[in-house]
Amino acid sequence: MDLDTDGQINKLCIIDSIAESASKSADIDRRLGAFLLYAGFVDYLTIQAARLFEQIILKKQLTDAETASFHPHSDIFFYDEHVSTRRIFKEIKRHLPFSFTDQDEAKKINESAQKMIKHGDKFLSYRNTIVHHIGNPTKTFEDVIDLCDKAFERYKEFKTYHLAFMTAAQPYSFSEKELEYWAERGIKIPPILILR
């Protein structure tokens, strides 16, 4: 059984609190654990951004009286299909820049999306080095810990720009009428969760 919105929020808040505390610990094992939790959050937050991008694209198609070119996806799709975070970033980049009637809003959304991707990519580079090069003889233990601390900073930056993007773009997500459109077609759209 899938968690409902409240259950999902509760789970994520607990994990976020654990990761935040562990990232400041003097214990190396706790800091490494925080890094792994943050890696999971980068994946999760990127999925939320992808789902919002899908809604914006589909909303434009429906507004322009076009046929929807794809169905919106739930979080589960991205996990079940093993959609990589970098692949999501590339797909978002492909659709930028967005243009809206309000040019200031468009600029805010496009800039925050670009910065979210940039800092997310930096975090993923640290993640790959830490996870996949832990046995690399050119990396000392101190190098791994230093990379972990740098990854924490990139995570904070990524989260800041993710929140800026989600907040700016949220008004362009599906309306109640559009949710009804998908419900009539048997597609349940779970809410997009924004972690602050």
C-alpha atoms as a PDB file:
ATOM      1  CA  MET A   1       0.000   0.000   0.000  1.00  0.00           C
ATOM      2  CA  ASP A   2       1.341   3.438  -0.972  1.00  0.00           C
ATOM      3  CA  LEU A   3       1.734   6.125   1.658  1.00  0.00           C
ATOM      4  CA  ASP A   4      -0.833   8.898   1.546  1.00  0.00           C
ATOM      5  CA  THR A   5       0.325  12.530   1.369  1.00  0.00           C
ATOM      6  CA  ASP A   6       0.502  12.916   5.151  1.00  0.00           C
ATOM      7  CA  GLY A   7       2.435   9.662   5.522  1.00  0.00           C
ATOM      8  CA  GLN A   8       4.875  10.702   2.791  1.00  0.00           C
ATOM      9  CA  ILE A   9       5.419  14.145   4.362  1.00  0.00           C
ATOM     10  CA  ASN A  10       5.938  12.591   7.800  1.00  0.00           C
ATOM     11  CA  LYS A  11       8.478  10.068   6.478  1.00  0.00           C
ATOM     12  CA  LEU A  12      10.432  12.702   4.551  1.00  0.00           C
ATOM     13  CA  CYS A  13      10.492  15.145   7.475  1.00  0.00           C
ATOM     14  CA  ILE A  14      11.876  12.463   9.809  1.00  0.00           C
ATOM     15  CA  ILE A  15      14.573  11.454   7.311  1.00  0.00           C
ATOM     16  CA  ASP A  16      15.447  15.099   6.627  1.00  0.00           C
ATOM     17  CA  SER A  17      15.854  15.744  10.351  1.00  0.00           C
ATOM     18  CA  ILE A  18      18.081  12.667  10.773  1.00  0.00           C
ATOM     19  CA  ALA A  19      20.237  13.672   7.779  1.00  0.00           C
ATOM     20  CA  GLU A  20      20.578  17.267   8.974  1.00  0.00           C
ATOM     21  CA  SER A  21      21.691  16.157  12.444  1.00  0.00           C
ATOM     22  CA  ALA A  22      24.056  13.498  11.085  1.00  0.00           C
ATOM     23  CA  SER A  23      25.658  15.909   8.574  1.00  0.00           C
ATOM     24  CA  LYS A  24      26.894  18.053  11.499  1.00  0.00           C
ATOM     25  CA  SER A  25      28.189  15.139  13.536  1.00  0.00           C
ATOM     26  CA  ALA A  26      31.834  14.607  14.395  1.00  0.00           C
ATOM     27  CA  ASP A  27      31.235  10.887  13.765  1.00  0.00           C
ATOM     28  CA  ILE A  28      32.405   9.970  10.275  1.00  0.00           C
ATOM     29  CA  ASP A  29      29.934   7.116   9.916  1.00  0.00           C
ATOM     30  CA  ARG A  30      27.018   9.448  10.678  1.00  0.00           C
ATOM     31  CA  ARG A  31      28.255  12.017   8.150  1.00  0.00           C
ATOM     32  CA  LEU A  32      28.582   9.325   5.488  1.00  0.00           C
ATOM     33  CA  GLY A  33      25.052   8.181   6.351  1.00  0.00           C
ATOM     34  CA  ALA A  34      23.803  11.755   5.959  1.00  0.00           C
ATOM     35  CA  PHE A  35      25.456  11.895   2.553  1.00  0.00           C
ATOM     36  CA  LEU A  36      23.575   8.774   1.437  1.00  0.00           C
ATOM     37  CA  LEU A  37      20.273  10.216   2.684  1.00  0.00           C
ATOM     38  CA  TYR A  38      20.962  13.475   0.838  1.00  0.00           C
ATOM     39  CA  ALA A  39      21.680  11.488  -2.318  1.00  0.00           C
ATOM     40  CA  GLY A  40      18.218   9.959  -1.979  1.00  0.00           C
ATOM     41  CA  PHE A  41      16.702  13.396  -1.460  1.00  0.00           C
ATOM     42  CA  VAL A  42      18.357  14.744  -4.617  1.00  0.00           C
ATOM     43  CA  ASP A  43      16.737  11.891  -6.554  1.00  0.00           C
ATOM     44  CA  TYR A  44      13.363  12.500  -4.898  1.00  0.00           C
ATOM     45  CA  LEU A  45      13.397  16.292  -5.328  1.00  0.00           C
ATOM     46  CA  THR A  46      14.429  15.926  -8.965  1.00  0.00           C
ATOM     47  CA  ILE A  47      11.476  13.604  -9.541  1.00  0.00           C
ATOM     48  CA  GLN A  48       9.173  16.245  -8.052  1.00  0.00           C
ATOM     49  CA  ALA A  49      10.641  18.845 -10.435  1.00  0.00           C
ATOM     50  CA  ALA A  50      10.169  16.443 -13.375  1.00  0.00           C
ATOM     51  CA  ARG A  51       6.538  15.867 -12.463  1.00  0.00           C
ATOM     52  CA  LEU A  52       5.934  19.612 -12.305  1.00  0.00           C
ATOM     53  CA  PHE A  53       7.659  20.051 -15.688  1.00  0.00           C
ATOM     54  CA  GLU A  54       5.369  17.373 -17.110  1.00  0.00           C
ATOM     55  CA  GLN A  55       2.331  19.219 -15.830  1.00  0.00           C
ATOM     56  CA  ILE A  56       3.503  22.517 -17.319  1.00  0.00           C
ATOM     57  CA  ILE A  57       4.113  20.888 -20.710  1.00  0.00           C
ATOM     58  CA  LEU A  58       0.794  19.030 -20.680  1.00  0.00           C
ATOM     59  CA  LYS A  59      -1.077  22.116 -19.463  1.00  0.00           C
ATOM     60  CA  LYS A  60       0.271  24.079 -22.429  1.00  0.00           C
ATOM     61  CA  GLN A  61      -0.798  21.309 -24.812  1.00  0.00           C
ATOM     62  CA  LEU A  62      -4.288  21.203 -23.314  1.00  0.00           C
ATOM     63  CA  THR A  63      -4.549  25.014 -23.312  1.00  0.00           C
ATOM     64  CA  ASP A  64      -3.564  25.085 -26.985  1.00  0.00           C
ATOM     65  CA  ALA A  65      -6.308  22.502 -27.676  1.00  0.00           C
ATOM     66  CA  GLU A  66      -3.722  19.914 -28.664  1.00  0.00           C
ATOM     67  CA  THR A  67      -3.909  16.264 -27.802  1.00  0.00           C
ATOM     68  CA  ALA A  68      -1.709  15.391 -24.844  1.00  0.00           C
ATOM     69  CA  SER A  69       1.488  13.815 -26.175  1.00  0.00           C
ATOM     70  CA  PHE A  70       2.033  11.694 -23.051  1.00  0.00           C
ATOM     71  CA  HIS A  71       0.416  10.858 -19.725  1.00  0.00           C
ATOM     72  CA  PRO A  72       1.713  12.446 -16.519  1.00  0.00           C
ATOM     73  CA  HIS A  73       3.692  10.159 -14.250  1.00  0.00           C
ATOM     74  CA  SER A  74       3.590   9.490 -10.530  1.00  0.00           C
ATOM     75  CA  ASP A  75       6.671   9.214  -8.320  1.00  0.00           C
ATOM     76  CA  ILE A  76       6.422   5.426  -8.533  1.00  0.00           C
ATOM     77  CA  PHE A  77       6.990   5.465 -12.308  1.00  0.00           C
ATOM     78  CA  PHE A  78      10.393   7.129 -11.940  1.00  0.00           C
ATOM     79  CA  TYR A  79      11.493   4.643  -9.280  1.00  0.00           C
ATOM     80  CA  ASP A  80      10.092   1.542 -10.991  1.00  0.00           C
ATOM     81  CA  GLU A  81      11.603   2.500 -14.351  1.00  0.00           C
ATOM     82  CA  HIS A  82      14.967   3.450 -12.778  1.00  0.00           C
ATOM     83  CA  VAL A  83      14.945   6.865 -14.472  1.00  0.00           C
ATOM     84  CA  SER A  84      18.315   8.404 -13.642  1.00  0.00           C
ATOM     85  CA  THR A  85      18.496  11.826 -12.045  1.00  0.00           C
ATOM     86  CA  ARG A  86      20.936  13.042 -14.694  1.00  0.00           C
ATOM     87  CA  ARG A  87      18.542  11.888 -17.405  1.00  0.00           C
ATOM     88  CA  ILE A  88      15.792  13.939 -15.776  1.00  0.00           C
ATOM     89  CA  PHE A  89      18.099  16.978 -15.687  1.00  0.00           C
ATOM     90  CA  LYS A  90      18.856  16.543 -19.399  1.00  0.00           C
ATOM     91  CA  GLU A  91      15.156  16.299 -20.223  1.00  0.00           C
ATOM     92  CA  ILE A  92      14.337  19.423 -18.217  1.00  0.00           C
ATOM     93  CA  LYS A  93      17.192  21.299 -19.929  1.00  0.00           C
ATOM     94  CA  ARG A  94      15.816  20.233 -23.307  1.00  0.00           C
ATOM     95  CA  HIS A  95      12.548  22.061 -22.581  1.00  0.00           C
ATOM     96  CA  LEU A  96      14.179  25.275 -21.355  1.00  0.00           C
ATOM     97  CA  PRO A  97      13.675  28.109 -21.634  1.00  0.00           C
ATOM     98  CA  PHE A  98       9.980  28.223 -20.890  1.00  0.00           C
ATOM     99  CA  SER A  99       8.119  31.272 -22.075  1.00  0.00           C
ATOM    100  CA  PHE A 100       5.096  32.653 -20.295  1.00  0.00           C
ATOM    101  CA  THR A 101       3.018  35.777 -20.776  1.00  0.00           C
ATOM    102  CA  ASP A 102       4.639  37.221 -17.663  1.00  0.00           C
ATOM    103  CA  GLN A 103       8.297  37.593 -18.674  1.00  0.00           C
ATOM    104  CA  ASP A 104       9.461  38.223 -15.109  1.00  0.00           C
ATOM    105  CA  GLU A 105       7.872  34.944 -14.021  1.00  0.00           C
ATOM    106  CA  ALA A 106       9.403  33.136 -17.002  1.00  0.00           C
ATOM    107  CA  LYS A 107      12.847  34.512 -16.139  1.00  0.00           C
ATOM    108  CA  LYS A 108      12.501  33.458 -12.485  1.00  0.00           C
ATOM    109  CA  ILE A 109      11.378  29.932 -13.430  1.00  0.00           C
ATOM    110  CA  ASN A 110      14.051  29.446 -16.094  1.00  0.00           C
ATOM    111  CA  GLU A 111      16.908  30.806 -13.953  1.00  0.00           C
ATOM    112  CA  SER A 112      15.954  28.753 -10.897  1.00  0.00           C
ATOM    113  CA  ALA A 113      15.608  25.628 -13.067  1.00  0.00           C
ATOM    114  CA  GLN A 114      19.070  26.189 -14.597  1.00  0.00           C
ATOM    115  CA  LYS A 115      20.641  26.726 -11.158  1.00  0.00           C
ATOM    116  CA  MET A 116      18.827  23.700  -9.727  1.00  0.00           C
ATOM    117  CA  ILE A 117      20.257  21.544 -12.529  1.00  0.00           C
ATOM    118  CA  LYS A 118      23.762  23.030 -12.193  1.00  0.00           C
ATOM    119  CA  HIS A 119      23.986  22.385  -8.445  1.00  0.00           C
ATOM    120  CA  GLY A 120      22.255  19.015  -8.748  1.00  0.00           C
ATOM    121  CA  ASP A 121      24.853  17.955 -11.332  1.00  0.00           C
ATOM    122  CA  LYS A 122      27.658  19.078  -9.006  1.00  0.00           C
ATOM    123  CA  PHE A 123      26.189  17.029  -6.170  1.00  0.00           C
ATOM    124  CA  LEU A 124      25.886  13.996  -8.459  1.00  0.00           C
ATOM    125  CA  SER A 125      29.545  14.350  -9.445  1.00  0.00           C
ATOM    126  CA  TYR A 126      30.545  14.201  -5.772  1.00  0.00           C
ATOM    127  CA  ARG A 127      28.168  11.281  -5.223  1.00  0.00           C
ATOM    128  CA  ASN A 128      29.677   9.333  -8.110  1.00  0.00           C
ATOM    129  CA  THR A 129      33.214   9.971  -6.903  1.00  0.00           C
ATOM    130  CA  ILE A 130      32.412   8.978  -3.316  1.00  0.00           C
ATOM    131  CA  VAL A 131      30.365   5.887  -4.190  1.00  0.00           C
ATOM    132  CA  HIS A 132      32.169   4.603  -7.269  1.00  0.00           C
ATOM    133  CA  HIS A 133      35.757   5.604  -6.480  1.00  0.00           C
ATOM    134  CA  ILE A 134      35.940   4.621  -2.829  1.00  0.00           C
ATOM    135  CA  GLY A 135      38.474   1.955  -3.828  1.00  0.00           C
ATOM    136  CA  ASN A 136      40.437   4.279  -6.114  1.00  0.00           C
ATOM    137  CA  PRO A 137      44.058   4.310  -4.866  1.00  0.00           C
ATOM    138  CA  THR A 138      44.371   8.003  -5.737  1.00  0.00           C
ATOM    139  CA  LYS A 139      41.703   8.852  -3.123  1.00  0.00           C
ATOM    140  CA  THR A 140      42.715   8.906   0.536  1.00  0.00           C
ATOM    141  CA  PHE A 141      40.234   8.480   3.364  1.00  0.00           C
ATOM    142  CA  GLU A 142      40.564  12.207   4.052  1.00  0.00           C
ATOM    143  CA  ASP A 143      39.731  12.900   0.382  1.00  0.00           C
ATOM    144  CA  VAL A 144      36.502  10.915   0.726  1.00  0.00           C
ATOM    145  CA  ILE A 145      35.483  12.825   3.861  1.00  0.00           C
ATOM    146  CA  ASP A 146      36.377  16.152   2.229  1.00  0.00           C
ATOM    147  CA  LEU A 147      34.258  15.246  -0.817  1.00  0.00           C
ATOM    148  CA  CYS A 148      31.417  14.310   1.501  1.00  0.00           C
ATOM    149  CA  ASP A 149      31.545  17.741   3.175  1.00  0.00           C
ATOM    150  CA  LYS A 150      31.631  19.453  -0.224  1.00  0.00           C
ATOM    151  CA  ALA A 151      28.630  17.370  -1.279  1.00  0.00           C
ATOM    152  CA  PHE A 152      26.699  18.722   1.734  1.00  0.00           C
ATOM    153  CA  GLU A 153      27.245  22.270   0.477  1.00  0.00           C
ATOM    154  CA  ARG A 154      26.131  21.373  -3.056  1.00  0.00           C
ATOM    155  CA  TYR A 155      23.050  19.669  -1.607  1.00  0.00           C
ATOM    156  CA  LYS A 156      22.078  22.825   0.299  1.00  0.00           C
ATOM    157  CA  GLU A 157      22.488  24.909  -2.863  1.00  0.00           C
ATOM    158  CA  PHE A 158      20.519  22.385  -4.920  1.00  0.00           C
ATOM    159  CA  LYS A 159      17.714  22.358  -2.348  1.00  0.00           C
ATOM    160  CA  THR A 160      17.588  26.186  -2.302  1.00  0.00           C
ATOM    161  CA  TYR A 161      17.225  26.423  -6.086  1.00  0.00           C
ATOM    162  CA  HIS A 162      14.836  23.477  -6.213  1.00  0.00           C
ATOM    163  CA  LEU A 163      12.563  25.254  -3.743  1.00  0.00           C
ATOM    164  CA  ALA A 164      12.842  28.497  -5.760  1.00  0.00           C
ATOM    165  CA  PHE A 165      11.907  26.639  -8.953  1.00  0.00           C
ATOM    166  CA  MET A 166       9.033  24.702  -7.400  1.00  0.00           C
ATOM    167  CA  THR A 167       7.612  27.812  -5.733  1.00  0.00           C
ATOM    168  CA  ALA A 168       7.829  29.895  -8.926  1.00  0.00           C
ATOM    169  CA  ALA A 169       6.471  27.150 -11.205  1.00  0.00           C
ATOM    170  CA  GLN A 170       3.765  25.758  -8.889  1.00  0.00           C
ATOM    171  CA  PRO A 171       1.069  28.165 -10.195  1.00  0.00           C
ATOM    172  CA  TYR A 172       1.509  26.532 -13.625  1.00  0.00           C
ATOM    173  CA  SER A 173       0.698  23.041 -12.329  1.00  0.00           C
ATOM    174  CA  PHE A 174      -2.639  21.356 -13.000  1.00  0.00           C
ATOM    175  CA  SER A 175      -5.829  23.093 -11.949  1.00  0.00           C
ATOM    176  CA  GLU A 176      -8.776  21.198 -10.507  1.00  0.00           C
ATOM    177  CA  LYS A 177     -10.338  21.044 -13.991  1.00  0.00           C
ATOM    178  CA  GLU A 178      -7.160  19.551 -15.466  1.00  0.00           C
ATOM    179  CA  LEU A 179      -6.948  17.025 -12.637  1.00  0.00           C
ATOM    180  CA  GLU A 180     -10.509  16.034 -13.507  1.00  0.00           C
ATOM    181  CA  TYR A 181      -9.446  15.642 -17.174  1.00  0.00           C
ATOM    182  CA  TRP A 182      -6.835  13.053 -16.137  1.00  0.00           C
ATOM    183  CA  ALA A 183      -9.112  11.397 -13.578  1.00  0.00           C
ATOM    184  CA  GLU A 184     -11.709  10.856 -16.331  1.00  0.00           C
ATOM    185  CA  ARG A 185      -8.994   8.963 -18.219  1.00  0.00           C
ATOM    186  CA  GLY A 186      -8.203   6.829 -15.182  1.00  0.00           C
ATOM    187  CA  ILE A 187      -4.913   8.558 -14.352  1.00  0.00           C
ATOM    188  CA  LYS A 188      -4.418   9.525 -10.729  1.00  0.00           C
ATOM    189  CA  ILE A 189      -2.088  12.482 -10.248  1.00  0.00           C
ATOM    190  CA  PRO A 190      -0.646  12.521  -6.717  1.00  0.00           C
ATOM    191  CA  PRO A 191       0.209  15.931  -5.285  1.00  0.00           C
ATOM    192  CA  ILE A 192       3.649  17.365  -5.873  1.00  0.00           C
ATOM    193  CA  LEU A 193       5.383  17.729  -2.515  1.00  0.00           C
ATOM    194  CA  ILE A 194       7.650  20.708  -1.917  1.00  0.00           C
ATOM    195  CA  LEU A 195      10.150  20.301   0.924  1.00  0.00           C
ATOM    196  CA  ARG A 196      11.106  23.549   2.588  1.00  0.00           C
END
